[in-house]
Amino acid sequence: MARSPFTLSAVEICGSDLAALMTKLTQRHGNIWVVGGARVTKELFRLQLCNDIRMMVLPVLLGGGTPFFDHIGVELPLHLHKVTAYNNGLVELWYQLPR
């Protein structure tokens, strides 16, 4: 079992113009990690600003909620790059998007 590799170095909140924010952050930091729900994910895919996606599967079944990809309107083939199981039951699925 692995320990989580994620560390929090900076948090930036954006209310609009995701493309401009992503451009600014990648110029400043290189690769960035975005945490968000269905609306953010859908917009990142629509703008083609996503190289890979890491989904964390929690050992909890929910009875409802918003779909993670929120009907993105396109079919995207994903390549499974890596699977990591953590001590707390989380499973990380790391997919790469072909370019």
N, C-alpha and C. Protein backbone atom coordinates (compact mmCIF):
# COMPACT_ATOMS: atom_id res chain seq x y z
N MET A 1 0.83 -1.18 0.00
CA MET A 1 0.00 0.00 0.00
C MET A 1 0.88 1.25 0.00
N ALA A 2 0.45 2.24 -0.75
CA ALA A 2 1.22 3.48 -0.88
C ALA A 2 0.64 4.57 0.00
N ARG A 3 1.47 5.54 0.31
CA ARG A 3 1.01 6.74 1.01
C ARG A 3 0.70 7.79 -0.04
N SER A 4 -0.21 8.68 0.25
CA SER A 4 -0.61 9.71 -0.69
C SER A 4 0.57 10.61 -1.05
N PRO A 5 0.82 10.83 -2.36
CA PRO A 5 1.94 11.67 -2.79
C PRO A 5 1.58 13.14 -2.87
N PHE A 6 0.35 13.51 -2.56
CA PHE A 6 -0.11 14.87 -2.80
C PHE A 6 0.24 15.78 -1.63
N THR A 7 0.75 16.94 -1.96
CA THR A 7 0.98 17.98 -0.97
C THR A 7 0.32 19.25 -1.48
N LEU A 8 -0.16 20.05 -0.59
CA LEU A 8 -0.83 21.29 -0.95
C LEU A 8 0.17 22.43 -0.85
N SER A 9 0.50 23.04 -2.00
CA SER A 9 1.45 24.15 -1.98
C SER A 9 0.76 25.49 -2.21
N ALA A 10 -0.34 25.49 -2.95
CA ALA A 10 -1.06 26.73 -3.21
C ALA A 10 -2.49 26.41 -3.60
N VAL A 11 -3.39 27.28 -3.23
CA VAL A 11 -4.79 27.15 -3.60
C VAL A 11 -5.20 28.42 -4.31
N GLU A 12 -5.85 28.28 -5.45
CA GLU A 12 -6.34 29.44 -6.19
C GLU A 12 -7.79 29.16 -6.56
N ILE A 13 -8.67 30.08 -6.25
CA ILE A 13 -10.09 29.93 -6.53
C ILE A 13 -10.44 30.82 -7.71
N CYS A 14 -11.18 30.26 -8.65
CA CYS A 14 -11.55 30.99 -9.86
C CYS A 14 -13.05 30.94 -10.05
N GLY A 15 -13.66 32.06 -10.34
CA GLY A 15 -15.09 32.10 -10.57
C GLY A 15 -15.46 32.14 -12.04
N SER A 16 -14.49 32.43 -12.93
CA SER A 16 -14.77 32.51 -14.36
C SER A 16 -13.49 32.40 -15.15
N ASP A 17 -13.62 32.26 -16.48
CA ASP A 17 -12.52 32.19 -17.44
C ASP A 17 -11.46 31.15 -17.04
N LEU A 18 -11.88 29.91 -17.07
CA LEU A 18 -11.01 28.80 -16.70
C LEU A 18 -9.79 28.71 -17.61
N ALA A 19 -9.96 28.96 -18.90
CA ALA A 19 -8.83 28.87 -19.84
C ALA A 19 -7.73 29.87 -19.47
N ALA A 20 -8.11 31.11 -19.14
CA ALA A 20 -7.11 32.12 -18.75
C ALA A 20 -6.40 31.73 -17.46
N LEU A 21 -7.15 31.22 -16.49
CA LEU A 21 -6.55 30.78 -15.24
C LEU A 21 -5.57 29.64 -15.47
N MET A 22 -5.96 28.67 -16.27
CA MET A 22 -5.08 27.52 -16.55
C MET A 22 -3.81 27.96 -17.26
N THR A 23 -3.93 28.89 -18.20
CA THR A 23 -2.75 29.41 -18.89
C THR A 23 -1.80 30.08 -17.91
N LYS A 24 -2.35 30.93 -17.05
CA LYS A 24 -1.52 31.63 -16.06
C LYS A 24 -0.83 30.64 -15.12
N LEU A 25 -1.58 29.66 -14.63
CA LEU A 25 -1.00 28.72 -13.67
C LEU A 25 0.05 27.81 -14.29
N THR A 26 -0.18 27.33 -15.51
CA THR A 26 0.81 26.46 -16.14
C THR A 26 2.07 27.24 -16.51
N GLN A 27 1.92 28.51 -16.87
CA GLN A 27 3.11 29.33 -17.13
C GLN A 27 3.92 29.55 -15.86
N ARG A 28 3.23 29.70 -14.75
CA ARG A 28 3.89 29.96 -13.48
C ARG A 28 4.46 28.69 -12.85
N HIS A 29 3.72 27.55 -12.94
CA HIS A 29 4.09 26.35 -12.18
C HIS A 29 4.41 25.12 -13.03
N GLY A 30 4.17 25.16 -14.33
CA GLY A 30 4.33 23.95 -15.14
C GLY A 30 3.08 23.09 -15.00
N ASN A 31 3.25 21.85 -14.63
CA ASN A 31 2.11 20.97 -14.44
C ASN A 31 1.33 21.39 -13.19
N ILE A 32 0.01 21.33 -13.30
CA ILE A 32 -0.83 21.67 -12.15
C ILE A 32 -1.86 20.58 -11.94
N TRP A 33 -2.37 20.53 -10.74
CA TRP A 33 -3.37 19.55 -10.35
C TRP A 33 -4.64 20.32 -10.01
N VAL A 34 -5.72 20.00 -10.71
CA VAL A 34 -6.99 20.68 -10.50
C VAL A 34 -7.95 19.74 -9.80
N VAL A 35 -8.55 20.21 -8.74
CA VAL A 35 -9.56 19.44 -8.02
C VAL A 35 -10.90 20.10 -8.28
N GLY A 36 -11.83 19.33 -8.76
CA GLY A 36 -13.14 19.90 -9.04
C GLY A 36 -14.15 18.81 -9.33
N GLY A 37 -15.36 19.21 -9.46
CA GLY A 37 -16.44 18.27 -9.74
C GLY A 37 -16.77 18.23 -11.21
N ALA A 38 -18.02 17.85 -11.49
CA ALA A 38 -18.47 17.61 -12.85
C ALA A 38 -18.35 18.85 -13.74
N ARG A 39 -18.70 20.02 -13.24
CA ARG A 39 -18.66 21.23 -14.07
C ARG A 39 -17.24 21.60 -14.47
N VAL A 40 -16.30 21.51 -13.54
CA VAL A 40 -14.90 21.83 -13.85
C VAL A 40 -14.33 20.79 -14.81
N THR A 41 -14.58 19.52 -14.54
CA THR A 41 -14.08 18.46 -15.40
C THR A 41 -14.59 18.61 -16.82
N LYS A 42 -15.88 18.84 -16.95
CA LYS A 42 -16.50 19.00 -18.28
C LYS A 42 -15.85 20.15 -19.04
N GLU A 43 -15.62 21.27 -18.37
CA GLU A 43 -15.03 22.43 -19.03
C GLU A 43 -13.58 22.18 -19.41
N LEU A 44 -12.81 21.50 -18.56
CA LEU A 44 -11.42 21.17 -18.91
C LEU A 44 -11.35 20.29 -20.14
N PHE A 45 -12.24 19.30 -20.23
CA PHE A 45 -12.29 18.45 -21.42
C PHE A 45 -12.71 19.25 -22.65
N ARG A 46 -13.72 20.11 -22.50
CA ARG A 46 -14.22 20.90 -23.63
C ARG A 46 -13.13 21.81 -24.20
N LEU A 47 -12.33 22.40 -23.31
CA LEU A 47 -11.26 23.31 -23.72
C LEU A 47 -9.97 22.56 -24.10
N GLN A 48 -9.98 21.25 -24.00
CA GLN A 48 -8.82 20.40 -24.28
C GLN A 48 -7.61 20.82 -23.44
N LEU A 49 -7.85 21.05 -22.16
CA LEU A 49 -6.81 21.47 -21.23
C LEU A 49 -6.38 20.36 -20.28
N CYS A 50 -6.80 19.15 -20.57
CA CYS A 50 -6.53 18.04 -19.66
C CYS A 50 -5.67 16.99 -20.37
N ASN A 51 -4.51 16.68 -19.78
CA ASN A 51 -3.62 15.65 -20.34
C ASN A 51 -3.88 14.28 -19.72
N ASP A 52 -4.25 14.30 -18.47
CA ASP A 52 -4.57 13.06 -17.79
C ASP A 52 -5.59 13.34 -16.70
N ILE A 53 -6.14 12.27 -16.18
CA ILE A 53 -7.14 12.39 -15.13
C ILE A 53 -6.86 11.33 -14.08
N ARG A 54 -6.91 11.75 -12.84
CA ARG A 54 -6.73 10.82 -11.73
C ARG A 54 -8.02 10.82 -10.93
N MET A 55 -8.63 9.68 -10.86
CA MET A 55 -9.89 9.54 -10.12
C MET A 55 -9.62 8.76 -8.85
N MET A 56 -10.14 9.26 -7.77
CA MET A 56 -10.02 8.58 -6.50
C MET A 56 -11.35 7.87 -6.22
N VAL A 57 -11.28 6.59 -6.01
CA VAL A 57 -12.47 5.80 -5.70
C VAL A 57 -12.49 5.59 -4.19
N LEU A 58 -13.56 6.07 -3.57
CA LEU A 58 -13.71 5.93 -2.13
C LEU A 58 -14.52 4.69 -1.81
N PRO A 59 -14.24 4.04 -0.70
CA PRO A 59 -15.00 2.84 -0.34
C PRO A 59 -16.36 3.19 0.30
N VAL A 60 -17.14 4.01 -0.41
CA VAL A 60 -18.46 4.44 0.06
C VAL A 60 -19.41 4.46 -1.13
N LEU A 61 -20.59 3.88 -0.99
CA LEU A 61 -21.60 3.95 -2.04
C LEU A 61 -22.56 5.09 -1.73
N LEU A 62 -22.76 5.96 -2.71
CA LEU A 62 -23.66 7.10 -2.54
C LEU A 62 -24.99 6.79 -3.20
N GLY A 63 -26.04 7.34 -2.67
CA GLY A 63 -27.37 7.08 -3.21
C GLY A 63 -27.80 8.07 -4.29
N GLY A 64 -26.99 9.08 -4.57
CA GLY A 64 -27.35 10.06 -5.58
C GLY A 64 -26.23 11.05 -5.75
N GLY A 65 -26.50 12.10 -6.52
CA GLY A 65 -25.50 13.13 -6.74
C GLY A 65 -25.35 13.43 -8.22
N THR A 66 -24.43 14.32 -8.53
CA THR A 66 -24.15 14.71 -9.91
C THR A 66 -23.16 13.73 -10.52
N PRO A 67 -23.41 13.26 -11.75
CA PRO A 67 -22.43 12.39 -12.41
C PRO A 67 -21.08 13.11 -12.52
N PHE A 68 -20.01 12.38 -12.35
CA PHE A 68 -18.68 12.99 -12.34
C PHE A 68 -18.36 13.71 -13.63
N PHE A 69 -18.72 13.13 -14.78
CA PHE A 69 -18.38 13.75 -16.05
C PHE A 69 -19.52 14.57 -16.62
N ASP A 70 -20.67 14.59 -16.01
CA ASP A 70 -21.78 15.49 -16.34
C ASP A 70 -22.09 15.58 -17.83
N HIS A 71 -22.21 14.45 -18.50
CA HIS A 71 -22.63 14.42 -19.91
C HIS A 71 -21.77 15.35 -20.76
N ILE A 72 -20.50 15.02 -20.92
CA ILE A 72 -19.56 15.91 -21.60
C ILE A 72 -19.80 16.03 -23.10
N GLY A 73 -20.60 15.15 -23.69
CA GLY A 73 -20.98 15.30 -25.08
C GLY A 73 -19.99 14.75 -26.09
N VAL A 74 -18.88 14.21 -25.64
CA VAL A 74 -17.89 13.59 -26.54
C VAL A 74 -17.42 12.29 -25.92
N GLU A 75 -16.97 11.40 -26.77
CA GLU A 75 -16.39 10.16 -26.29
C GLU A 75 -14.87 10.31 -26.32
N LEU A 76 -14.24 10.09 -25.17
CA LEU A 76 -12.79 10.24 -25.05
C LEU A 76 -12.17 8.90 -24.66
N PRO A 77 -11.32 8.35 -25.51
CA PRO A 77 -10.64 7.12 -25.10
C PRO A 77 -9.59 7.43 -24.03
N LEU A 78 -9.54 6.61 -23.02
CA LEU A 78 -8.58 6.80 -21.93
C LEU A 78 -7.63 5.61 -21.90
N HIS A 79 -6.38 5.87 -21.55
CA HIS A 79 -5.38 4.82 -21.38
C HIS A 79 -5.05 4.72 -19.90
N LEU A 80 -5.29 3.54 -19.31
CA LEU A 80 -4.97 3.34 -17.90
C LEU A 80 -3.45 3.30 -17.74
N HIS A 81 -2.93 4.28 -17.02
CA HIS A 81 -1.49 4.41 -16.82
C HIS A 81 -1.03 3.71 -15.54
N LYS A 82 -1.81 3.88 -14.46
CA LYS A 82 -1.38 3.34 -13.17
C LYS A 82 -2.57 3.23 -12.23
N VAL A 83 -2.53 2.23 -11.37
CA VAL A 83 -3.52 2.05 -10.31
C VAL A 83 -2.76 1.98 -8.99
N THR A 84 -3.20 2.76 -8.01
CA THR A 84 -2.56 2.76 -6.69
C THR A 84 -3.63 2.57 -5.62
N ALA A 85 -3.41 1.61 -4.73
CA ALA A 85 -4.29 1.38 -3.58
C ALA A 85 -3.63 1.97 -2.34
N TYR A 86 -4.40 2.72 -1.55
CA TYR A 86 -3.89 3.35 -0.34
C TYR A 86 -4.39 2.63 0.90
N ASN A 87 -3.69 2.82 2.00
CA ASN A 87 -4.00 2.14 3.26
C ASN A 87 -5.42 2.40 3.77
N ASN A 88 -5.97 3.56 3.44
CA ASN A 88 -7.30 3.92 3.95
C ASN A 88 -8.44 3.41 3.07
N GLY A 89 -8.14 2.60 2.06
CA GLY A 89 -9.16 2.03 1.20
C GLY A 89 -9.37 2.77 -0.11
N LEU A 90 -8.80 3.98 -0.25
CA LEU A 90 -8.88 4.72 -1.50
C LEU A 90 -8.13 3.98 -2.60
N VAL A 91 -8.64 4.09 -3.81
CA VAL A 91 -7.93 3.57 -4.98
C VAL A 91 -7.83 4.71 -5.98
N GLU A 92 -6.62 4.97 -6.44
CA GLU A 92 -6.39 6.01 -7.44
C GLU A 92 -6.25 5.36 -8.82
N LEU A 93 -7.07 5.81 -9.75
CA LEU A 93 -6.98 5.38 -11.14
C LEU A 93 -6.41 6.52 -11.95
N TRP A 94 -5.26 6.31 -12.58
CA TRP A 94 -4.60 7.36 -13.34
C TRP A 94 -4.72 7.02 -14.81
N TYR A 95 -5.49 7.85 -15.52
CA TYR A 95 -5.70 7.67 -16.95
C TYR A 95 -5.02 8.80 -17.72
N GLN A 96 -4.48 8.46 -18.88
CA GLN A 96 -3.93 9.47 -19.78
C GLN A 96 -4.84 9.61 -20.98
N LEU A 97 -4.99 10.83 -21.46
CA LEU A 97 -5.77 11.09 -22.66
C LEU A 97 -4.82 11.12 -23.86
N PRO A 98 -5.16 10.39 -24.91
CA PRO A 98 -4.31 10.42 -26.10
C PRO A 98 -4.35 11.80 -26.75
N ARG A 99 -3.26 12.24 -27.28
CA ARG A 99 -3.18 13.55 -27.97
C ARG A 99 -2.82 13.36 -29.42
